Each structure stands twice: as C-alpha cells, then as structure tokens.
C-alpha cells in the first residue's frame, strides 16, 4: 500500500474542488478546455498559465483560479 504525499494530496483536493465548481456549468470536455482558455479575470492568462509550473493550493495563482471557478457554482459573486 502506497501513501499519497501531502503535497500531491493537497493539489488533488484543490483540483477536485475546482472541478466540482465547474461541473455545474460544463461537461467533462468543457472542464478540460476551461483550464486552457484565456480568461480576462486572470489578466488574459488561462487558468493553467495562472497556476504556473510550481503552484501550490495556497499560491496566489491557485487562489485566483479557485475564486474564478467558484463564481460558476454561485458560491461567490464575481468581484468588481
């Protein structure tokens, strides 16, 4: 039996939360595409670009991506 490292588990949990928010507005294909499409709320970057290669769930990019996804579920209104 292999344990999941804490860093990986934290990223998986973050990803599950974002996907859950997106699932109300997108199908599986749309969710995958969502991560690659530029967003004006992310200064023209895609969520994948906003995360960057060494992201953590607590990084600024991850928090912005999570906030954007949560707007779709109605959990948070979009800030002006």
Protein backbone atom coordinates (compact mmCIF):
# COMPACT_ATOMS: atom_id res chain seq x y z
CA UNK A 1 0.00 0.00 0.00
CA UNK A 2 1.38 3.38 -1.02
CA UNK A 3 0.51 6.64 0.69
CA UNK A 4 -0.09 9.80 -1.27
CA UNK A 5 2.44 12.51 -0.39
CA UNK A 6 0.85 15.51 1.36
CA UNK A 7 1.80 17.89 -1.47
CA UNK A 8 0.08 15.70 -4.06
CA UNK A 9 -2.96 15.13 -1.85
CA UNK A 10 -3.36 18.90 -1.37
CA UNK A 11 -3.23 19.50 -5.13
CA UNK A 12 -5.71 16.69 -5.79
CA UNK A 13 -8.11 18.11 -3.22
CA UNK A 14 -7.81 21.60 -4.76
CA UNK A 15 -8.41 20.19 -8.23
CA UNK A 16 -11.46 18.22 -7.05
CA UNK A 17 -12.94 21.40 -5.57
CA UNK A 18 -12.38 23.38 -8.78
CA UNK A 19 -13.81 20.60 -10.96
CA UNK A 20 -16.86 20.35 -8.68
CA UNK A 21 -17.49 24.06 -9.18
CA UNK A 22 -17.09 23.77 -12.94
CA UNK A 23 -19.28 20.66 -13.23
CA UNK A 24 -22.43 22.73 -12.82
CA UNK A 25 -21.65 24.76 -15.94
CA UNK A 26 -19.52 22.47 -18.14
CA UNK A 27 -19.40 18.88 -19.32
CA UNK A 28 -16.20 16.81 -18.97
CA UNK A 29 -14.74 18.10 -22.23
CA UNK A 30 -15.60 21.69 -21.32
CA UNK A 31 -13.95 21.35 -17.92
CA UNK A 32 -10.70 20.22 -19.52
CA UNK A 33 -10.85 23.09 -22.02
CA UNK A 34 -11.62 25.60 -19.25
CA UNK A 35 -8.10 25.21 -17.88
CA UNK A 36 -6.56 26.15 -21.26
CA UNK A 37 -8.74 29.08 -22.36
CA UNK A 38 -7.56 32.63 -21.60
CA UNK A 39 -9.71 34.48 -19.07
CA UNK A 40 -9.96 38.25 -18.75
CA UNK A 41 -10.33 37.79 -14.97
CA UNK A 42 -6.84 36.24 -14.98
CA UNK A 43 -5.30 39.11 -16.97
CA UNK A 44 -5.69 37.25 -20.24
CA UNK A 45 -4.00 34.09 -18.98
CA UNK A 46 -5.53 30.65 -18.97
CA UNK A 47 -6.06 29.02 -15.58
CA UNK A 48 -3.19 26.64 -16.40
CA UNK A 49 -0.89 29.60 -17.11
CA UNK A 50 -2.06 31.41 -13.97
CA UNK A 51 -1.15 28.37 -11.88
CA UNK A 52 2.37 28.11 -13.28
CA UNK A 53 4.62 25.05 -13.08
CA UNK A 54 5.32 25.04 -9.33
CA UNK A 55 1.92 26.00 -7.95
CA UNK A 56 0.54 25.10 -4.57
CA UNK A 57 -3.09 25.37 -3.43
CA UNK A 58 -2.07 28.40 -1.35
CA UNK A 59 -0.28 30.26 -4.15
CA UNK A 60 -1.78 33.49 -5.47
CA UNK A 61 -2.48 31.99 -8.90
CA UNK A 62 -4.27 28.98 -7.43
CA UNK A 63 -6.41 31.20 -5.23
CA UNK A 64 -7.43 33.35 -8.23
CA UNK A 65 -8.27 30.28 -10.32
CA UNK A 66 -10.28 28.77 -7.45
CA UNK A 67 -12.18 32.02 -6.94
CA UNK A 68 -13.00 32.22 -10.65
CA UNK A 69 -14.28 28.64 -10.72
CA UNK A 70 -16.37 29.20 -7.60
CA UNK A 71 -18.25 32.02 -9.34
CA UNK A 72 -19.67 29.45 -11.76
CA UNK A 73 -21.21 27.42 -8.94
CA UNK A 74 -22.79 30.51 -7.43
CA UNK A 75 -20.68 30.10 -4.28
CA UNK A 76 -19.08 33.53 -4.73
CA UNK A 77 -20.20 36.57 -6.68
CA UNK A 78 -17.65 37.93 -9.13
CA UNK A 79 -15.74 40.79 -7.53
CA UNK A 80 -15.73 44.06 -9.41
